[in-house]
Amino acid sequence: MGLRRTPAEQLADLETKKRQLGERIVALSARAKERQRKDDDRRRVLLGSVVLADLATNQELAAYIRTRLPDVMRDGDRQLFADLLGDNSS
């Protein structure tokens, strides 16, 4: 017959399990967020490649991008899109 554990020992065991579950929850949440970020990055890359491929042949799309792009660019981004924006200053 096994030894009976005291209530204090049982409580300590439960606290340990609670801490371990908390750590597992944090780790799983971090992995899920990382996966979501990677999926979002991949979607942006794929969508961007489609848009870039169509810019040469779709003048309406090119005009739209030229009007919208400056709204989302940071100061240092202008050089990256100089060819699209017709910016000859770079």
C-alpha atoms as a PDB file:
ATOM      1  CA  MET A   1       0.000   0.000   0.000  1.00  0.00           C
ATOM      2  CA  GLY A   2       1.365   3.435  -0.968  1.00  0.00           C
ATOM      3  CA  LEU A   3       2.015   6.275   1.394  1.00  0.00           C
ATOM      4  CA  ARG A   4      -0.695   8.863   1.707  1.00  0.00           C
ATOM      5  CA  ARG A   5       0.359  12.325   0.695  1.00  0.00           C
ATOM      6  CA  THR A   6      -0.377  15.177   3.020  1.00  0.00           C
ATOM      7  CA  PRO A   7      -2.640  17.998   1.870  1.00  0.00           C
ATOM      8  CA  ALA A   8       0.433  20.274   1.766  1.00  0.00           C
ATOM      9  CA  GLU A   9       2.232  17.826  -0.547  1.00  0.00           C
ATOM     10  CA  GLN A  10      -0.834  17.492  -2.744  1.00  0.00           C
ATOM     11  CA  LEU A  11      -1.121  21.270  -2.923  1.00  0.00           C
ATOM     12  CA  ALA A  12       2.562  21.584  -3.827  1.00  0.00           C
ATOM     13  CA  ASP A  13       2.104  19.018  -6.611  1.00  0.00           C
ATOM     14  CA  LEU A  14      -0.905  20.878  -7.976  1.00  0.00           C
ATOM     15  CA  GLU A  15       0.964  24.189  -7.864  1.00  0.00           C
ATOM     16  CA  THR A  16       3.824  22.609  -9.818  1.00  0.00           C
ATOM     17  CA  LYS A  17       1.415  21.256 -12.420  1.00  0.00           C
ATOM     18  CA  LYS A  18      -0.298  24.659 -12.622  1.00  0.00           C
ATOM     19  CA  ARG A  19       3.044  26.371 -13.243  1.00  0.00           C
ATOM     20  CA  GLN A  20       3.977  23.808 -15.887  1.00  0.00           C
ATOM     21  CA  LEU A  21       0.631  24.250 -17.649  1.00  0.00           C
ATOM     22  CA  GLY A  22       1.087  28.014 -17.562  1.00  0.00           C
ATOM     23  CA  GLU A  23       4.491  27.642 -19.199  1.00  0.00           C
ATOM     24  CA  ARG A  24       3.029  25.358 -21.866  1.00  0.00           C
ATOM     25  CA  ILE A  25       0.233  27.858 -22.557  1.00  0.00           C
ATOM     26  CA  VAL A  26       2.736  30.694 -22.964  1.00  0.00           C
ATOM     27  CA  ALA A  27       4.929  28.614 -25.286  1.00  0.00           C
ATOM     28  CA  LEU A  28       1.984  27.471 -27.405  1.00  0.00           C
ATOM     29  CA  SER A  29       0.650  31.023 -27.659  1.00  0.00           C
ATOM     30  CA  ALA A  30       4.063  32.262 -28.771  1.00  0.00           C
ATOM     31  CA  ARG A  31       4.258  29.561 -31.452  1.00  0.00           C
ATOM     32  CA  ALA A  32       0.771  30.428 -32.686  1.00  0.00           C
ATOM     33  CA  LYS A  33       1.634  34.135 -32.902  1.00  0.00           C
ATOM     34  CA  GLU A  34       4.860  33.338 -34.764  1.00  0.00           C
ATOM     35  CA  ARG A  35       2.975  31.126 -37.237  1.00  0.00           C
ATOM     36  CA  GLN A  36       0.384  33.853 -37.767  1.00  0.00           C
ATOM     37  CA  ARG A  37       3.128  36.437 -38.371  1.00  0.00           C
ATOM     38  CA  LYS A  38       4.874  34.149 -40.876  1.00  0.00           C
ATOM     39  CA  ASP A  39       1.592  33.467 -42.679  1.00  0.00           C
ATOM     40  CA  ASP A  40       0.853  37.192 -42.833  1.00  0.00           C
ATOM     41  CA  ASP A  41       4.343  37.935 -44.188  1.00  0.00           C
ATOM     42  CA  ARG A  42       3.929  35.215 -46.817  1.00  0.00           C
ATOM     43  CA  ARG A  43       0.556  36.621 -47.890  1.00  0.00           C
ATOM     44  CA  ARG A  44       2.089  40.085 -48.266  1.00  0.00           C
ATOM     45  CA  VAL A  45       4.992  38.759 -50.331  1.00  0.00           C
ATOM     46  CA  LEU A  46       2.695  36.812 -52.642  1.00  0.00           C
ATOM     47  CA  LEU A  47       0.270  39.680 -53.066  1.00  0.00           C
ATOM     48  CA  GLY A  48       3.140  42.100 -53.648  1.00  0.00           C
ATOM     49  CA  SER A  49       4.619  39.866 -56.329  1.00  0.00           C
ATOM     50  CA  VAL A  50       1.284  39.747 -58.149  1.00  0.00           C
ATOM     51  CA  VAL A  51       0.927  43.518 -57.989  1.00  0.00           C
ATOM     52  CA  LEU A  52       4.513  44.092 -59.142  1.00  0.00           C
ATOM     53  CA  ALA A  53       4.045  41.692 -62.051  1.00  0.00           C
ATOM     54  CA  ASP A  54       0.851  43.449 -63.154  1.00  0.00           C
ATOM     55  CA  LEU A  55       2.175  47.006 -62.822  1.00  0.00           C
ATOM     56  CA  ALA A  56       3.948  46.854 -66.180  1.00  0.00           C
ATOM     57  CA  THR A  57       0.799  45.960 -68.108  1.00  0.00           C
ATOM     58  CA  ASN A  58      -2.047  47.437 -66.072  1.00  0.00           C
ATOM     59  CA  GLN A  59      -1.974  51.229 -66.260  1.00  0.00           C
ATOM     60  CA  GLU A  60      -5.000  51.649 -63.981  1.00  0.00           C
ATOM     61  CA  LEU A  61      -3.276  49.599 -61.298  1.00  0.00           C
ATOM     62  CA  ALA A  62      -0.057  51.579 -61.769  1.00  0.00           C
ATOM     63  CA  ALA A  63      -1.934  54.865 -61.405  1.00  0.00           C
ATOM     64  CA  TYR A  64      -3.698  53.635 -58.290  1.00  0.00           C
ATOM     65  CA  ILE A  65      -0.436  52.445 -56.711  1.00  0.00           C
ATOM     66  CA  ARG A  66       1.238  55.792 -57.516  1.00  0.00           C
ATOM     67  CA  THR A  67      -1.520  57.625 -55.641  1.00  0.00           C
ATOM     68  CA  ARG A  68      -1.733  55.234 -52.658  1.00  0.00           C
ATOM     69  CA  LEU A  69       1.918  54.372 -52.121  1.00  0.00           C
ATOM     70  CA  PRO A  70       3.035  57.775 -50.789  1.00  0.00           C
ATOM     71  CA  ASP A  71       0.372  57.477 -48.064  1.00  0.00           C
ATOM     72  CA  VAL A  72       2.003  54.384 -46.561  1.00  0.00           C
ATOM     73  CA  MET A  73       5.703  55.058 -47.178  1.00  0.00           C
ATOM     74  CA  ARG A  74       8.170  56.133 -44.560  1.00  0.00           C
ATOM     75  CA  ASP A  75      10.763  58.770 -45.390  1.00  0.00           C
ATOM     76  CA  GLY A  76      13.443  56.235 -46.288  1.00  0.00           C
ATOM     77  CA  ASP A  77      11.135  54.218 -48.571  1.00  0.00           C
ATOM     78  CA  ARG A  78      10.972  56.750 -51.407  1.00  0.00           C
ATOM     79  CA  GLN A  79      14.209  55.524 -52.979  1.00  0.00           C
ATOM     80  CA  LEU A  80      12.880  51.964 -53.114  1.00  0.00           C
ATOM     81  CA  PHE A  81       9.993  53.049 -55.333  1.00  0.00           C
ATOM     82  CA  ALA A  82      11.658  55.851 -57.325  1.00  0.00           C
ATOM     83  CA  ASP A  83      11.136  53.996 -60.625  1.00  0.00           C
ATOM     84  CA  LEU A  84       7.428  53.505 -59.946  1.00  0.00           C
ATOM     85  CA  LEU A  85       6.830  57.023 -58.649  1.00  0.00           C
ATOM     86  CA  GLY A  86       8.848  58.660 -61.396  1.00  0.00           C
ATOM     87  CA  ASP A  87      11.139  60.219 -58.815  1.00  0.00           C
ATOM     88  CA  ASN A  88      14.371  61.213 -60.511  1.00  0.00           C
ATOM     89  CA  SER A  89      15.884  62.802 -57.403  1.00  0.00           C
ATOM     90  CA  SER A  90      17.491  59.559 -56.146  1.00  0.00           C
END
